[in-house]
Every structure is written in C-alpha cells, then in structure tokens.
C-alpha cells in the first residue's frame, strides 16, 4: 500500500474512515459526571458557555457537549478549562472519583 492510498484511509485526526468512538458505560458515566461538575462551576463563576469556549479555544457548542456528557474532554483541554473556570489547582480532585480513579 503506497502513501496516497494510506492517506485516503485516514481522516485528518488519524482515525480510519467510518470509524466511531465506542464508549464503555464507565466512560459515559465519567463524561456525564465531569460535565455536571463543569456546568455547576461555570454557573458559580457566572460565565456563559461562549465565555468559556473563547477562553479554551473551542465553540460554545463544544462546551455544551462537554457539559451534557456527549463528548469526552481530552486531557489537552482540562488545564485551559480549569483556568477558565477559576478552579484552584488544589481543588482539582474532582477529576478523581469513583468513575475515574486513575486520572491525576
């Protein structure tokens, strides 16, 4: 298989064409848990989804999906989210819970 054929097989993000993410029930529970926490904190600091999205570098629709638990939050986005939501570093233990004991 040459390079051109290989490039056709993959999307820009490196996944094979037509592939989908299949999340386990634990992953879905984790995404929903984290989304609830983020939404609660966003309302506490009285910011809109647009404000948070601009600070993180994503659209408000993506923040909406994070809060609903439809999309997983990548580790790349956690730190900008923490800063945008004004969460102190010592209070980031909400990432460690019964659904996600391995994330630090």
C-alpha atoms as a PDB file:
ATOM      1  CA  UNK A   1       0.000   0.000   0.000  1.00  0.00           C
ATOM      2  CA  UNK A   2       1.529   3.298  -1.047  1.00  0.00           C
ATOM      3  CA  UNK A   3       1.329   6.586   0.804  1.00  0.00           C
ATOM      4  CA  UNK A   4      -1.544   8.021  -1.247  1.00  0.00           C
ATOM      5  CA  UNK A   5      -3.754   5.013  -0.510  1.00  0.00           C
ATOM      6  CA  UNK A   6      -2.852   5.164   3.166  1.00  0.00           C
ATOM      7  CA  UNK A   7      -3.704   8.886   3.352  1.00  0.00           C
ATOM      8  CA  UNK A   8      -7.096   8.225   1.775  1.00  0.00           C
ATOM      9  CA  UNK A   9      -7.847   5.683   4.501  1.00  0.00           C
ATOM     10  CA  UNK A  10      -7.435   8.145   7.350  1.00  0.00           C
ATOM     11  CA  UNK A  11      -9.114  11.350   8.371  1.00  0.00           C
ATOM     12  CA  UNK A  12      -7.109  14.394   9.411  1.00  0.00           C
ATOM     13  CA  UNK A  13      -7.235  13.300  13.059  1.00  0.00           C
ATOM     14  CA  UNK A  14      -5.823   9.878  12.276  1.00  0.00           C
ATOM     15  CA  UNK A  15      -8.916   7.689  12.605  1.00  0.00           C
ATOM     16  CA  UNK A  16      -9.930   5.274   9.861  1.00  0.00           C
ATOM     17  CA  UNK A  17     -12.795   6.484   7.696  1.00  0.00           C
ATOM     18  CA  UNK A  18     -16.168   5.404   9.009  1.00  0.00           C
ATOM     19  CA  UNK A  19     -14.885   4.546  12.479  1.00  0.00           C
ATOM     20  CA  UNK A  20     -16.768   5.710  15.539  1.00  0.00           C
ATOM     21  CA  UNK A  21     -15.858   6.018  19.184  1.00  0.00           C
ATOM     22  CA  UNK A  22     -17.426   3.317  21.279  1.00  0.00           C
ATOM     23  CA  UNK A  23     -17.526   4.306  24.927  1.00  0.00           C
ATOM     24  CA  UNK A  24     -17.966   1.870  27.779  1.00  0.00           C
ATOM     25  CA  UNK A  25     -20.697   2.549  30.369  1.00  0.00           C
ATOM     26  CA  UNK A  26     -17.976   3.655  32.797  1.00  0.00           C
ATOM     27  CA  UNK A  27     -16.680   6.184  30.269  1.00  0.00           C
ATOM     28  CA  UNK A  28     -20.177   7.572  29.699  1.00  0.00           C
ATOM     29  CA  UNK A  29     -20.757   7.870  33.451  1.00  0.00           C
ATOM     30  CA  UNK A  30     -17.399   9.672  33.809  1.00  0.00           C
ATOM     31  CA  UNK A  31     -18.195  12.105  30.991  1.00  0.00           C
ATOM     32  CA  UNK A  32     -21.613  12.927  32.462  1.00  0.00           C
ATOM     33  CA  UNK A  33     -20.154  13.328  35.969  1.00  0.00           C
ATOM     34  CA  UNK A  34     -17.440  15.693  34.770  1.00  0.00           C
ATOM     35  CA  UNK A  35     -19.953  17.602  32.643  1.00  0.00           C
ATOM     36  CA  UNK A  36     -22.225  18.188  35.651  1.00  0.00           C
ATOM     37  CA  UNK A  37     -19.255  19.462  37.660  1.00  0.00           C
ATOM     38  CA  UNK A  38     -18.177  21.818  34.885  1.00  0.00           C
ATOM     39  CA  UNK A  39     -21.671  23.203  34.371  1.00  0.00           C
ATOM     40  CA  UNK A  40     -22.124  23.807  38.118  1.00  0.00           C
ATOM     41  CA  UNK A  41     -18.787  25.608  38.325  1.00  0.00           C
ATOM     42  CA  UNK A  42     -19.497  27.689  35.214  1.00  0.00           C
ATOM     43  CA  UNK A  43     -22.726  28.900  36.776  1.00  0.00           C
ATOM     44  CA  UNK A  44     -20.958  29.630  40.073  1.00  0.00           C
ATOM     45  CA  UNK A  45     -18.483  31.950  38.374  1.00  0.00           C
ATOM     46  CA  UNK A  46     -21.342  33.433  36.299  1.00  0.00           C
ATOM     47  CA  UNK A  47     -19.836  32.828  32.874  1.00  0.00           C
ATOM     48  CA  UNK A  48     -21.557  31.785  29.678  1.00  0.00           C
ATOM     49  CA  UNK A  49     -20.648  28.829  27.516  1.00  0.00           C
ATOM     50  CA  UNK A  50     -19.364  31.314  24.947  1.00  0.00           C
ATOM     51  CA  UNK A  51     -17.022  32.902  27.516  1.00  0.00           C
ATOM     52  CA  UNK A  52     -15.600  29.522  28.469  1.00  0.00           C
ATOM     53  CA  UNK A  53     -15.354  28.407  24.848  1.00  0.00           C
ATOM     54  CA  UNK A  54     -13.435  31.546  23.881  1.00  0.00           C
ATOM     55  CA  UNK A  55     -11.033  31.060  26.787  1.00  0.00           C
ATOM     56  CA  UNK A  56     -10.435  27.398  25.948  1.00  0.00           C
ATOM     57  CA  UNK A  57     -10.372  27.810  22.181  1.00  0.00           C
ATOM     58  CA  UNK A  58     -13.495  25.855  21.246  1.00  0.00           C
ATOM     59  CA  UNK A  59     -17.039  26.803  20.277  1.00  0.00           C
ATOM     60  CA  UNK A  60     -19.881  27.144  22.737  1.00  0.00           C
ATOM     61  CA  UNK A  61     -21.436  24.072  21.108  1.00  0.00           C
ATOM     62  CA  UNK A  62     -18.413  22.035  22.152  1.00  0.00           C
ATOM     63  CA  UNK A  63     -18.719  23.297  25.736  1.00  0.00           C
ATOM     64  CA  UNK A  64     -22.395  22.338  25.547  1.00  0.00           C
ATOM     65  CA  UNK A  65     -21.436  18.804  24.500  1.00  0.00           C
ATOM     66  CA  UNK A  66     -18.877  18.567  27.315  1.00  0.00           C
ATOM     67  CA  UNK A  67     -21.495  19.621  29.861  1.00  0.00           C
ATOM     68  CA  UNK A  68     -24.078  17.171  28.546  1.00  0.00           C
ATOM     69  CA  UNK A  69     -21.528  14.371  28.565  1.00  0.00           C
ATOM     70  CA  UNK A  70     -21.866  13.741  24.833  1.00  0.00           C
ATOM     71  CA  UNK A  71     -18.167  14.289  24.121  1.00  0.00           C
ATOM     72  CA  UNK A  72     -15.186  13.291  26.206  1.00  0.00           C
ATOM     73  CA  UNK A  73     -12.913  16.077  27.401  1.00  0.00           C
ATOM     74  CA  UNK A  74      -9.355  15.477  26.317  1.00  0.00           C
ATOM     75  CA  UNK A  75      -6.516  15.981  28.765  1.00  0.00           C
ATOM     76  CA  UNK A  76      -5.313  18.718  26.407  1.00  0.00           C
ATOM     77  CA  UNK A  77      -8.440  20.763  27.300  1.00  0.00           C
ATOM     78  CA  UNK A  78      -8.532  20.131  31.068  1.00  0.00           C
ATOM     79  CA  UNK A  79      -5.977  22.741  32.091  1.00  0.00           C
ATOM     80  CA  UNK A  80      -7.484  25.580  29.983  1.00  0.00           C
ATOM     81  CA  UNK A  81     -10.910  24.626  31.361  1.00  0.00           C
ATOM     82  CA  UNK A  82      -9.567  24.731  34.918  1.00  0.00           C
ATOM     83  CA  UNK A  83      -8.132  28.199  34.335  1.00  0.00           C
ATOM     84  CA  UNK A  84     -11.260  29.495  32.562  1.00  0.00           C
ATOM     85  CA  UNK A  85     -13.484  28.226  35.377  1.00  0.00           C
ATOM     86  CA  UNK A  86     -11.141  29.661  38.031  1.00  0.00           C
ATOM     87  CA  UNK A  87     -10.655  26.318  39.765  1.00  0.00           C
ATOM     88  CA  UNK A  88      -7.639  26.348  42.103  1.00  0.00           C
ATOM     89  CA  UNK A  89      -5.061  23.637  41.478  1.00  0.00           C
ATOM     90  CA  UNK A  90      -5.557  22.119  44.925  1.00  0.00           C
ATOM     91  CA  UNK A  91      -9.276  21.686  44.195  1.00  0.00           C
ATOM     92  CA  UNK A  92      -8.872  19.603  41.055  1.00  0.00           C
ATOM     93  CA  UNK A  93      -9.536  16.404  42.955  1.00  0.00           C
ATOM     94  CA  UNK A  94     -12.996  16.379  41.350  1.00  0.00           C
ATOM     95  CA  UNK A  95     -11.232  14.601  38.495  1.00  0.00           C
ATOM     96  CA  UNK A  96     -10.568  11.691  40.838  1.00  0.00           C
ATOM     97  CA  UNK A  97     -13.835   9.988  41.645  1.00  0.00           C
ATOM     98  CA  UNK A  98     -15.382   6.575  41.764  1.00  0.00           C
ATOM     99  CA  UNK A  99     -15.714   6.573  37.972  1.00  0.00           C
ATOM    100  CA  UNK A 100     -12.200   7.733  37.238  1.00  0.00           C
ATOM    101  CA  UNK A 101      -9.771   6.688  39.994  1.00  0.00           C
ATOM    102  CA  UNK A 102      -6.664   6.638  37.777  1.00  0.00           C
ATOM    103  CA  UNK A 103      -6.648  10.235  36.473  1.00  0.00           C
ATOM    104  CA  UNK A 104      -4.452  12.632  38.416  1.00  0.00           C
END
